[in-house]
Amino acid sequence: MLSHFALLTRHRIIFRSTRPLSWRGTLRHPLTVLIIFHETFHQSYYSDDRYDNAAIPDRLVGMMDALRDEGRYEVRSPEAASRADLMRGHSEAHIDSVAAKPQLFAMASLAAGAALLGADLAIRGEPSLACVRPPGHHASRSSAWGHCTFSNVALALLRLRDLGLITSATVVDFDLHTGDGTQDVLKGWPQAQVLNPYGDTATEYLSVLEQQLQHAPQVDVLAVSAGFDAYKHDLGGKLDTEDYFSIGRLLQAHAIRLGHQRRFAVLEGGYYLPDLGKNALAFCRGFE
């Protein structure tokens, strides 16, 4: 019997050779991904770092255009995370240091709030992708680097745990870079694990991800740090658009195997703007 990855690979070849990415035929799932977005995320004024790739003007324009043009994805607007929500995963000193920059604090709190909304939707069985900035997987309990500010995904999971809605979680981080901040914030929670797949080629990468998911424990929710910077024209130079569909489909299949289908994703990296939209769309088609 073919493994799920082998079936995906077979589909990937057919998909590449006979169907354009805009095809909306088979491999649909009854659950449609909800998009979490606030118009404020289009603003880039929040960062004064000229090397901050996440704050590039218009970074999310192509992504939101592609998702809206699909015509199937409802957009939900988040509210900013409260200070109490931020305190679940960050030291008071770190929060205060961010609050000293009001524009950054407002944007980062809104990004964290988008992750909180995604987690709430997941508990109700509704998958989502939060299109946010600044990202969060390099934000640890007491500091942050790599264009990140607050640990968005980790904060969302800690809130679910503290509300008694979950006791365990898996985070899959398919960004090019390790989610060291997520690992740091969740390190005191043994029932939460962070998976960072690696591979020198797309085929190897997808195979590693499949193996990691096969060995992942039964958990109450699946969270995803969705980074698109391993793309062939981005920093990683490895994955193609259809590979993001395959990643989404592997994660969707894993959520089904968990028995509850609770899953949500939050944007991390991804800086090749001409194709960021179609890559996010491919992921959503697989994730739904």
Protein backbone atom coordinates (compact mmCIF):
# COMPACT_ATOMS: atom_id res chain seq x y z
CA MET A 1 0.00 0.00 0.00
CA LEU A 2 1.31 3.45 -0.86
CA SER A 3 2.08 5.79 2.03
CA HIS A 4 0.23 9.09 2.26
CA PHE A 5 3.40 10.83 1.10
CA ALA A 6 3.64 8.54 -1.93
CA LEU A 7 0.06 9.36 -2.82
CA LEU A 8 0.83 13.06 -2.44
CA THR A 9 3.89 12.68 -4.62
CA ARG A 10 1.83 10.92 -7.27
CA HIS A 11 -0.74 13.72 -7.08
CA ARG A 12 2.07 16.31 -7.17
CA ILE A 13 3.32 14.96 -10.50
CA ILE A 14 -0.17 14.87 -12.00
CA PHE A 15 -0.94 18.29 -10.58
CA ARG A 16 2.22 19.77 -12.09
CA SER A 17 1.90 18.17 -15.49
CA THR A 18 -1.80 18.36 -16.26
CA ARG A 19 -3.54 20.91 -14.06
CA PRO A 20 -2.80 24.60 -13.47
CA LEU A 21 -2.80 25.80 -9.88
CA SER A 22 -6.06 27.65 -10.44
CA TRP A 23 -7.89 24.37 -11.01
CA ARG A 24 -10.68 23.94 -8.45
CA GLY A 25 -11.66 20.36 -9.03
CA THR A 26 -11.18 17.36 -6.77
CA LEU A 27 -9.40 16.91 -3.44
CA ARG A 28 -11.82 19.35 -1.80
CA HIS A 29 -12.75 18.89 1.85
CA PRO A 30 -16.02 19.96 3.51
CA LEU A 31 -14.14 22.28 5.87
CA THR A 32 -13.12 25.56 4.28
CA VAL A 33 -10.22 27.51 5.77
CA LEU A 34 -11.15 30.80 7.41
CA ILE A 35 -8.77 33.69 6.86
CA ILE A 36 -7.98 35.88 9.85
CA PHE A 37 -6.86 39.35 8.84
CA HIS A 38 -7.12 42.98 9.86
CA GLU A 39 -6.55 45.84 7.43
CA THR A 40 -4.04 47.27 9.90
CA PHE A 41 -1.66 44.47 8.90
CA HIS A 42 -1.17 46.21 5.56
CA GLN A 43 0.68 49.00 7.37
CA SER A 44 4.46 48.80 7.63
CA TYR A 45 5.09 51.77 9.93
CA TYR A 46 5.33 49.62 13.05
CA SER A 47 9.00 48.72 12.50
CA ASP A 48 11.90 51.15 12.38
CA ASP A 49 14.33 48.40 11.32
CA ARG A 50 15.22 48.86 7.66
CA TYR A 51 16.32 45.22 7.52
CA ASP A 52 12.95 43.93 8.75
CA ASN A 53 11.72 41.79 5.86
CA ALA A 54 8.40 41.13 7.58
CA ALA A 55 7.66 44.87 7.50
CA ILE A 56 8.18 45.29 3.77
CA PRO A 57 5.46 47.60 2.42
CA ASP A 58 2.65 45.73 0.66
CA ARG A 59 3.97 42.37 1.86
CA LEU A 60 0.49 41.01 2.52
CA VAL A 61 -1.28 42.62 -0.44
CA GLY A 62 -0.61 39.80 -2.92
CA MET A 63 -1.44 37.17 -0.32
CA MET A 64 -4.79 38.68 0.57
CA ASP A 65 -5.62 39.34 -3.09
CA ALA A 66 -5.01 35.69 -3.96
CA LEU A 67 -7.06 34.40 -1.03
CA ARG A 68 -9.95 36.79 -1.65
CA ASP A 69 -9.93 36.15 -5.41
CA GLU A 70 -10.40 32.45 -4.68
CA GLY A 71 -13.92 33.41 -3.66
CA ARG A 72 -14.34 30.70 -1.02
CA TYR A 73 -12.52 31.97 2.03
CA GLU A 74 -14.36 34.06 4.59
CA VAL A 75 -12.23 36.71 6.29
CA ARG A 76 -12.55 37.20 10.06
CA SER A 77 -11.18 40.27 11.83
CA PRO A 78 -9.28 39.78 15.11
CA GLU A 79 -8.97 41.92 18.22
CA ALA A 80 -5.69 42.68 19.96
CA ALA A 81 -4.48 40.31 22.64
CA SER A 82 -4.78 41.64 26.17
CA ARG A 83 -1.81 42.17 28.43
CA ALA A 84 -3.01 39.20 30.47
CA ASP A 85 -2.85 37.03 27.34
CA LEU A 86 0.68 38.25 26.61
CA MET A 87 1.74 37.51 30.18
CA ARG A 88 0.92 33.82 29.69
CA GLY A 89 4.08 33.44 27.63
CA HIS A 90 6.25 36.52 28.13
CA SER A 91 8.01 38.26 30.96
CA GLU A 92 6.73 41.60 32.13
CA ALA A 93 10.07 43.14 31.17
CA HIS A 94 9.74 41.95 27.57
CA ILE A 95 6.18 43.21 27.29
CA ASP A 96 7.21 46.57 28.75
CA SER A 97 10.10 46.85 26.30
CA VAL A 98 7.71 46.36 23.39
CA ALA A 99 5.11 48.69 24.91
CA ALA A 100 7.75 51.43 24.90
CA LYS A 101 7.24 51.43 21.11
CA PRO A 102 3.48 52.06 20.86
CA GLN A 103 3.12 51.34 17.14
CA LEU A 104 5.01 48.05 17.40
CA PHE A 105 3.07 47.09 20.52
CA ALA A 106 -0.27 47.73 18.84
CA MET A 107 0.61 45.73 15.74
CA ALA A 108 2.20 42.84 17.63
CA SER A 109 -0.72 42.65 20.06
CA LEU A 110 -3.09 42.47 17.09
CA ALA A 111 -0.99 39.68 15.53
CA ALA A 112 -1.13 37.74 18.79
CA GLY A 113 -4.88 38.35 18.93
CA ALA A 114 -5.25 36.88 15.45
CA ALA A 115 -3.54 33.71 16.65
CA LEU A 116 -5.87 33.59 19.66
CA LEU A 117 -8.86 33.81 17.34
CA GLY A 118 -7.44 31.03 15.16
CA ALA A 119 -7.07 28.80 18.20
CA ASP A 120 -10.64 29.54 19.31
CA LEU A 121 -11.93 28.63 15.85
CA ALA A 122 -9.90 25.42 15.88
CA ILE A 123 -11.57 24.28 19.08
CA ARG A 124 -14.90 24.65 17.26
CA GLY A 125 -13.56 22.53 14.41
CA GLU A 126 -12.97 25.41 12.00
CA PRO A 127 -9.47 25.53 10.40
CA SER A 128 -7.91 28.91 9.71
CA LEU A 129 -4.88 30.80 8.48
CA ALA A 130 -4.00 34.04 10.27
CA CYS A 131 -2.25 36.42 7.85
CA VAL A 132 -0.35 38.62 10.29
CA ARG A 133 2.75 40.62 10.99
CA PRO A 134 4.99 40.79 12.91
CA PRO A 135 5.61 37.01 13.04
CA GLY A 136 6.28 35.24 16.31
CA HIS A 137 8.27 32.01 16.20
CA HIS A 138 11.56 33.69 17.19
CA ALA A 139 9.97 35.42 20.21
CA SER A 140 11.00 33.71 23.43
CA ARG A 141 9.76 34.41 26.93
CA SER A 142 12.07 37.33 27.60
CA SER A 143 13.32 38.50 24.21
CA ALA A 144 12.74 38.35 20.47
CA TRP A 145 14.72 38.47 17.25
CA GLY A 146 14.27 37.65 13.54
CA HIS A 147 11.53 40.24 12.91
CA CYS A 148 9.36 38.67 15.63
CA THR A 149 7.82 40.31 18.71
CA PHE A 150 5.36 38.08 20.58
CA SER A 151 5.17 34.30 20.33
CA ASN A 152 1.82 34.23 18.56
CA VAL A 153 1.27 30.48 18.22
CA ALA A 154 2.57 29.65 21.69
CA LEU A 155 0.39 32.32 23.31
CA ALA A 156 -2.68 30.93 21.57
CA LEU A 157 -1.97 27.42 22.82
CA LEU A 158 -1.23 28.56 26.38
CA ARG A 159 -4.55 30.38 26.48
CA LEU A 160 -6.42 27.25 25.39
CA ARG A 161 -4.61 25.25 28.06
CA ASP A 162 -5.25 27.81 30.79
CA LEU A 163 -8.95 27.90 29.89
CA GLY A 164 -9.08 24.12 30.31
CA LEU A 165 -9.89 23.51 26.66
CA ILE A 166 -6.78 21.44 25.88
CA THR A 167 -4.05 19.59 27.74
CA SER A 168 -1.74 18.82 24.81
CA ALA A 169 -0.68 20.25 21.45
CA THR A 170 1.62 19.75 18.48
CA VAL A 171 3.15 22.68 16.62
CA VAL A 172 4.43 22.08 13.09
CA ASP A 173 6.72 24.90 12.00
CA PHE A 174 7.44 24.69 8.25
CA ASP A 175 9.27 28.00 8.12
CA LEU A 176 12.83 27.85 6.81
CA HIS A 177 14.13 28.68 10.29
CA THR A 178 13.66 26.81 13.57
CA GLY A 179 10.91 28.12 15.81
CA ASP A 180 13.25 28.63 18.75
CA GLY A 181 10.98 31.18 20.38
CA THR A 182 7.99 28.85 20.28
CA GLN A 183 10.14 26.11 21.78
CA ASP A 184 11.28 28.42 24.59
CA VAL A 185 7.81 29.64 25.52
CA LEU A 186 6.37 26.11 25.55
CA LYS A 187 9.33 24.35 27.18
CA GLY A 188 7.64 24.11 30.57
CA TRP A 189 4.71 22.19 29.06
CA PRO A 190 5.77 18.56 28.44
CA GLN A 191 2.58 17.76 26.53
CA ALA A 192 3.36 20.38 23.87
CA GLN A 193 5.92 19.63 21.17
CA VAL A 194 7.33 21.65 18.27
CA LEU A 195 8.24 19.92 15.00
CA ASN A 196 10.57 21.59 12.50
CA PRO A 197 10.92 19.46 9.34
CA TYR A 198 14.14 19.71 7.35
CA GLY A 199 15.46 18.33 4.09
CA ASP A 200 17.88 19.24 1.32
CA THR A 201 15.26 18.71 -1.39
CA ALA A 202 11.49 19.12 -1.55
CA THR A 203 10.98 15.35 -1.71
CA GLU A 204 13.17 14.78 1.33
CA TYR A 205 11.48 17.64 3.19
CA LEU A 206 7.98 16.25 2.62
CA SER A 207 9.12 12.76 3.56
CA VAL A 208 10.59 14.03 6.85
CA LEU A 209 7.38 15.89 7.63
CA GLU A 210 5.31 12.79 6.96
CA GLN A 211 7.54 10.71 9.23
CA GLN A 212 7.37 13.30 12.01
CA LEU A 213 3.59 13.32 11.84
CA GLN A 214 3.40 9.54 11.81
CA HIS A 215 5.31 9.47 15.10
CA ALA A 216 3.55 12.45 16.66
CA PRO A 217 1.42 11.67 19.73
CA GLN A 218 -2.32 12.04 20.07
CA VAL A 219 -2.96 15.68 21.03
CA ASP A 220 -5.91 18.00 21.48
CA VAL A 221 -5.01 20.51 18.76
CA LEU A 222 -2.61 20.95 15.83
CA ALA A 223 -1.02 24.39 15.44
CA VAL A 224 1.02 25.44 12.43
CA SER A 225 3.69 28.10 12.04
CA ALA A 226 3.28 28.76 8.33
CA GLY A 227 6.51 30.14 6.88
CA PHE A 228 6.91 30.37 3.12
CA ASP A 229 10.59 31.34 2.97
CA ALA A 230 11.81 27.86 1.98
CA TYR A 231 10.31 28.62 -1.44
CA LYS A 232 12.54 28.13 -4.49
CA HIS A 233 12.79 31.88 -5.16
CA ASP A 234 13.04 32.86 -1.48
CA LEU A 235 15.78 32.38 1.08
CA GLY A 236 15.49 28.58 1.20
CA GLY A 237 15.49 27.88 -2.55
CA LYS A 238 13.86 24.50 -2.08
CA LEU A 239 10.07 24.19 -2.17
CA ASP A 240 7.71 24.81 -5.08
CA THR A 241 4.13 26.03 -4.97
CA GLU A 242 2.63 22.54 -5.17
CA ASP A 243 4.83 21.52 -2.23
CA TYR A 244 2.86 23.94 -0.07
CA PHE A 245 -0.31 22.19 -1.17
CA SER A 246 1.29 18.90 -0.12
CA ILE A 247 2.29 20.34 3.26
CA GLY A 248 -1.24 21.54 3.82
CA ARG A 249 -2.68 18.17 2.83
CA LEU A 250 -0.31 16.24 5.12
CA LEU A 251 -1.37 18.47 8.02
CA GLN A 252 -5.06 18.14 7.13
CA ALA A 253 -4.72 14.36 7.02
CA HIS A 254 -2.96 14.36 10.39
CA ALA A 255 -5.74 16.42 11.96
CA ILE A 256 -8.25 13.91 10.62
CA ARG A 257 -6.23 11.04 12.11
CA LEU A 258 -6.30 12.84 15.46
CA GLY A 259 -10.06 12.40 15.33
CA HIS A 260 -11.08 15.99 16.01
CA GLN A 261 -9.70 17.96 13.04
CA ARG A 262 -8.74 20.90 15.30
CA ARG A 263 -6.09 22.89 13.48
CA PHE A 264 -5.01 26.46 12.85
CA ALA A 265 -2.10 28.17 11.12
CA VAL A 266 -0.37 31.51 11.64
CA LEU A 267 1.90 33.23 9.13
CA GLU A 268 5.62 33.43 9.91
CA GLY A 269 8.18 34.07 7.13
CA GLY A 270 7.89 34.38 3.37
CA TYR A 271 9.44 37.28 1.49
CA TYR A 272 9.29 36.59 -2.23
CA LEU A 273 6.27 38.78 -2.78
CA PRO A 274 5.46 37.89 -6.42
CA ASP A 275 4.54 34.32 -5.42
CA LEU A 276 3.65 34.63 -1.74
CA GLY A 277 -0.05 34.78 -2.56
CA LYS A 278 -0.17 31.67 -4.71
CA ASN A 279 1.92 29.74 -2.19
CA ALA A 280 -0.44 30.67 0.65
CA LEU A 281 -3.40 29.75 -1.53
CA ALA A 282 -1.87 26.36 -2.33
CA PHE A 283 -1.36 25.72 1.37
CA CYS A 284 -4.95 26.66 2.19
CA ARG A 285 -6.28 24.33 -0.51
CA GLY A 286 -4.36 21.49 1.05
CA PHE A 287 -5.15 22.47 4.65
CA GLU A 288 -8.93 22.66 4.19
